[in-house]
Protein backbone atom coordinates (compact mmCIF):
# COMPACT_ATOMS: atom_id res chain seq x y z
CA MET A 1 75.96 149.22 108.32
CA SER A 2 72.59 147.52 108.72
CA ILE A 3 71.26 146.58 112.14
CA PRO A 4 68.22 144.53 113.20
CA ALA A 5 65.11 146.55 114.03
CA ILE A 6 65.28 145.36 117.63
CA ALA A 7 68.63 147.15 118.01
CA ASN A 8 66.70 150.42 117.70
CA ALA A 9 64.09 149.38 120.28
CA LYS A 10 64.17 150.34 123.95
CA ILE A 11 62.41 148.80 126.92
CA CYS A 12 61.95 151.69 129.35
CA GLY A 13 61.20 151.94 133.04
CA ILE A 14 63.43 149.04 134.06
CA LYS A 15 64.01 148.60 137.80
CA ASP A 16 65.93 145.31 138.13
CA SER A 17 68.98 143.57 136.68
CA ALA A 18 67.11 140.47 135.52
CA THR A 19 64.91 142.49 133.18
CA ALA A 20 67.88 144.44 131.84
CA ARG A 21 69.80 141.23 131.16
CA LEU A 22 66.78 139.73 129.40
CA CYS A 23 66.65 142.75 127.08
CA VAL A 24 70.33 142.24 126.25
CA GLU A 25 69.81 138.53 125.58
CA LEU A 26 66.86 139.25 123.27
CA GLY A 27 68.82 141.83 121.27
CA PHE A 28 67.26 145.13 122.34
CA GLY A 29 69.64 147.99 121.69
CA ALA A 30 68.67 150.09 124.68
CA VAL A 31 67.35 149.90 128.22
CA GLY A 32 65.72 152.88 129.90
CA PHE A 33 65.57 154.14 133.47
CA VAL A 34 63.11 156.75 134.73
CA PHE A 35 64.30 159.53 137.06
CA PHE A 36 60.93 161.13 137.76
CA GLU A 37 59.63 160.96 141.31
CA LYS A 38 55.94 160.86 140.38
CA SER A 39 56.36 157.80 138.15
CA PRO A 40 55.84 154.22 139.38
CA ARG A 41 59.01 153.47 137.42
CA ASN A 42 61.18 155.96 139.32
CA ILE A 43 64.61 154.66 140.32
CA SER A 44 67.74 156.08 141.96
CA PRO A 45 71.02 156.71 140.12
CA LEU A 46 72.87 154.34 142.45
CA ALA A 47 70.42 151.53 141.72
CA VAL A 48 70.84 152.14 138.00
CA ALA A 49 74.63 152.11 138.36
CA GLU A 50 74.40 148.64 139.89
CA ILE A 51 72.24 147.41 137.01
CA CYS A 52 74.39 149.01 134.32
CA ALA A 53 77.58 147.53 135.74
CA SER A 54 76.44 144.10 134.56
CA LEU A 55 75.49 145.18 131.03
CA PRO A 56 77.72 145.01 127.94
CA PRO A 57 79.14 148.26 126.53
CA HIS A 58 77.23 148.09 123.25
CA ILE A 59 73.79 148.52 124.82
CA ALA A 60 72.54 152.08 125.34
CA LYS A 61 71.78 152.99 128.94
CA VAL A 62 69.15 155.71 128.67
CA GLY A 63 68.02 157.98 131.49
CA VAL A 64 64.62 159.68 131.27
CA PHE A 65 64.43 163.12 132.89
CA VAL A 66 61.63 165.66 133.26
CA ASP A 67 62.51 169.36 133.73
CA LYS A 68 65.41 168.81 136.12
CA PRO A 69 68.20 171.44 136.29
CA VAL A 70 70.86 170.53 133.78
CA ASP A 71 73.64 170.30 136.38
CA GLU A 72 71.56 167.81 138.36
CA VAL A 73 70.82 165.79 135.23
CA LEU A 74 74.50 165.53 134.32
CA HIS A 75 75.47 164.62 137.88
CA MET A 76 72.86 161.87 138.06
CA ALA A 77 73.85 160.58 134.62
CA GLU A 78 77.49 160.24 135.66
CA ILE A 79 76.58 158.37 138.86
CA ALA A 80 74.23 156.02 137.00
CA GLY A 81 76.65 155.24 134.17
CA LEU A 82 74.33 156.37 131.39
CA THR A 83 75.22 156.76 127.73
CA SER A 84 72.11 158.63 126.63
CA LEU A 85 69.66 161.13 128.09
CA GLN A 86 66.00 161.39 127.14
CA LEU A 87 64.24 164.67 127.94
CA HIS A 88 60.49 164.45 128.50
CA GLY A 89 59.56 167.87 129.82
CA ASN A 90 59.79 171.44 128.60
CA GLU A 91 63.56 171.48 128.33
CA THR A 92 64.97 174.19 126.06
CA PRO A 93 67.20 173.67 123.03
CA GLN A 94 69.98 175.25 125.11
CA THR A 95 69.60 172.53 127.75
CA ALA A 96 69.75 169.86 125.07
CA MET A 97 72.91 171.40 123.63
CA THR A 98 74.58 171.57 127.05
CA ILE A 99 73.94 167.86 127.56
CA LEU A 100 75.07 167.05 124.02
CA LYS A 101 78.34 168.91 124.56
CA ALA A 102 78.88 166.91 127.75
CA GLY A 103 79.20 163.81 125.56
CA PHE A 104 75.81 162.18 125.90
CA LYS A 105 73.40 161.15 123.18
CA VAL A 106 70.30 163.35 123.54
CA ILE A 107 66.73 162.33 122.67
CA LYS A 108 63.89 164.83 123.08
CA ALA A 109 60.25 163.82 123.36
CA VAL A 110 58.14 165.99 121.03
CA ARG A 111 54.47 166.36 120.18
CA SER A 112 54.41 168.96 117.38
CA VAL A 113 56.19 170.04 114.21
CA THR A 114 57.24 173.24 116.01
CA GLU A 115 59.01 171.27 118.73
CA VAL A 116 60.79 169.08 116.19
CA GLY A 117 61.91 172.06 114.14
CA ALA A 118 63.45 173.69 117.23
CA LEU A 119 65.69 170.73 118.04
CA PRO A 120 69.42 171.44 117.67
CA ASN A 121 71.47 169.40 115.24
CA GLY A 122 72.48 166.12 116.82
CA VAL A 123 69.39 165.85 119.03
CA SER A 124 67.05 163.02 118.06
CA ALA A 125 63.25 163.27 118.15
CA LEU A 126 61.00 160.81 119.97
CA MET A 127 57.40 161.41 118.92
CA GLU A 128 54.51 160.64 121.24
CA CYS A 129 50.89 161.58 121.78
CA GLY A 130 51.58 163.22 125.14
CA ARG A 131 48.12 162.65 126.62
CA GLY A 132 47.71 161.87 130.28
CA LYS A 133 48.68 163.03 133.75
CA LEU A 134 52.36 162.06 133.53
CA PRO A 135 55.00 162.89 130.91
CA GLY A 136 55.37 160.18 128.29
CA GLY A 137 53.04 158.16 126.13
CA ASN A 138 50.76 157.17 129.04
CA ALA A 139 49.98 153.87 127.28
CA ALA A 140 47.74 155.76 124.85
CA GLU A 141 47.58 154.61 121.26
CA TRP A 142 47.60 157.40 118.68
CA ASN A 143 47.62 157.90 114.94
CA TRP A 144 51.20 156.81 114.38
CA ALA A 145 51.07 157.97 110.76
CA GLU A 146 51.16 161.53 112.17
CA ALA A 147 54.85 160.92 112.86
CA LEU A 148 55.50 161.22 109.13
CA THR A 149 54.35 164.84 109.20
CA LEU A 150 55.89 165.54 112.60
CA SER A 151 59.31 164.28 111.55
CA HIS A 152 60.23 167.61 109.90
CA GLY A 153 63.07 165.98 108.01
CA LYS A 154 64.60 164.49 111.16
CA THR A 155 66.28 161.16 110.40
CA PRO A 156 66.23 158.96 112.31
CA TYR A 157 63.29 159.47 114.64
CA GLY A 158 61.47 157.26 117.11
CA ILE A 159 57.94 156.78 118.40
CA ALA A 160 56.46 156.08 121.84
CA GLY A 161 53.02 155.70 123.34
CA GLY A 162 50.72 152.70 123.52
CA LEU A 163 53.20 150.29 121.94
CA ARG A 164 52.89 146.58 122.70
CA ALA A 165 53.38 143.27 120.92
CA GLU A 166 49.94 143.37 119.32
CA ASN A 167 50.47 146.69 117.51
CA ILE A 168 54.18 147.40 117.29
CA VAL A 169 54.60 146.22 113.69
CA GLU A 170 51.59 148.28 112.59
CA ALA A 171 52.88 151.33 114.47
CA MET A 172 56.38 151.14 113.04
CA GLU A 173 55.15 150.65 109.49
CA ALA A 174 52.54 153.42 109.70
CA SER A 175 54.91 155.94 111.28
CA GLY A 176 57.98 155.28 109.19
CA ALA A 177 59.93 155.49 112.45
CA HIS A 178 63.44 154.17 112.84
CA ALA A 179 63.13 153.40 116.54
CA CYS A 180 60.59 152.66 119.26
CA ASP A 181 60.29 153.09 123.01
CA ILE A 182 58.14 150.61 124.95
CA SER A 183 57.23 150.92 128.62
CA SER A 184 53.69 150.11 129.79
CA GLY A 185 53.23 147.65 126.91
CA ALA A 186 55.94 145.52 128.52
CA GLU A 187 54.34 145.46 131.97
CA SER A 188 51.91 143.38 133.99
CA SER A 189 51.08 146.45 136.12
CA PRO A 190 52.50 149.99 136.33
CA GLY A 191 56.22 149.73 137.04
CA VAL A 192 56.32 145.92 136.96
CA LYS A 193 57.96 144.51 133.84
CA ASP A 194 56.51 141.35 132.31
CA HIS A 195 59.20 139.13 130.79
CA LYS A 196 56.71 137.25 128.62
CA ALA A 197 55.48 140.55 127.16
CA ILE A 198 59.06 141.63 126.46
CA GLU A 199 59.74 138.34 124.69
CA ALA A 200 56.57 138.77 122.62
CA ILE A 201 57.64 142.28 121.58
CA ALA A 202 61.06 140.98 120.59
CA ALA A 203 59.47 138.29 118.41
CA LYS A 204 57.38 140.90 116.58
CA LEU A 205 60.35 143.22 116.03
CA ALA A 206 62.17 140.34 114.34
CA ASN A 207 59.72 140.71 111.43
CA LEU A 208 60.67 144.32 110.70
CA PRO A 209 63.29 145.39 108.13
CA GLU A 210 66.82 146.21 109.21
CA GLN A 211 67.77 149.83 109.90
CA ALA A 212 70.72 151.84 108.64
CA ASN A 213 71.16 154.09 111.68
CA ILE A 214 71.77 153.55 115.39
CA PHE A 215 69.22 155.61 117.30
CA TRP A 216 69.69 155.30 121.06
CA ARG A 217 73.39 156.01 121.45
CA ASN A 218 76.31 157.69 119.73
CA ILE A 219 78.38 155.35 117.57
């Protein structure tokens, strides 16, 4: 089954229903919500549940967590109505496996070949530069071609960090990635999504080849 490239793209850090619905209308395959108190994109599980209630079942609802206890992560995920959990801290392979066994798609942010090689089967890799004060890409561009060496045979894998309409085609082609995660590149200011920027990203993704795998959720 082939799917458009935009179906493997996620707009992350969403805080309102209008932005989530726009992503659905444009064809994005995933929307992301950040559960990290230090982030300007932080949101509560109840607020996410309200947003997700209006979204169609095919779109992945991804929660981003940073070093929270696994029981708390699973509890928050159930309240919010998530399909997928993205781990951005120093979570262990055992934590990832516990979440996987609970029935969620698991994506782990990684920055080295060692981290990728330690991922359990069934856990997808999201490669990023990891520079900055907060977990995540921190809007920093990096040498996306490094993802080819980081991938460690993981298929599919995604990239994050510094992605925006002006460079997303270059980044995807250079990295060989199957998916992408955009946050600050879709904002007018930290935590404030820019609908025009999201539309511009969608237009660029339309130029990329179709993909054979669904990245952000279990089939």
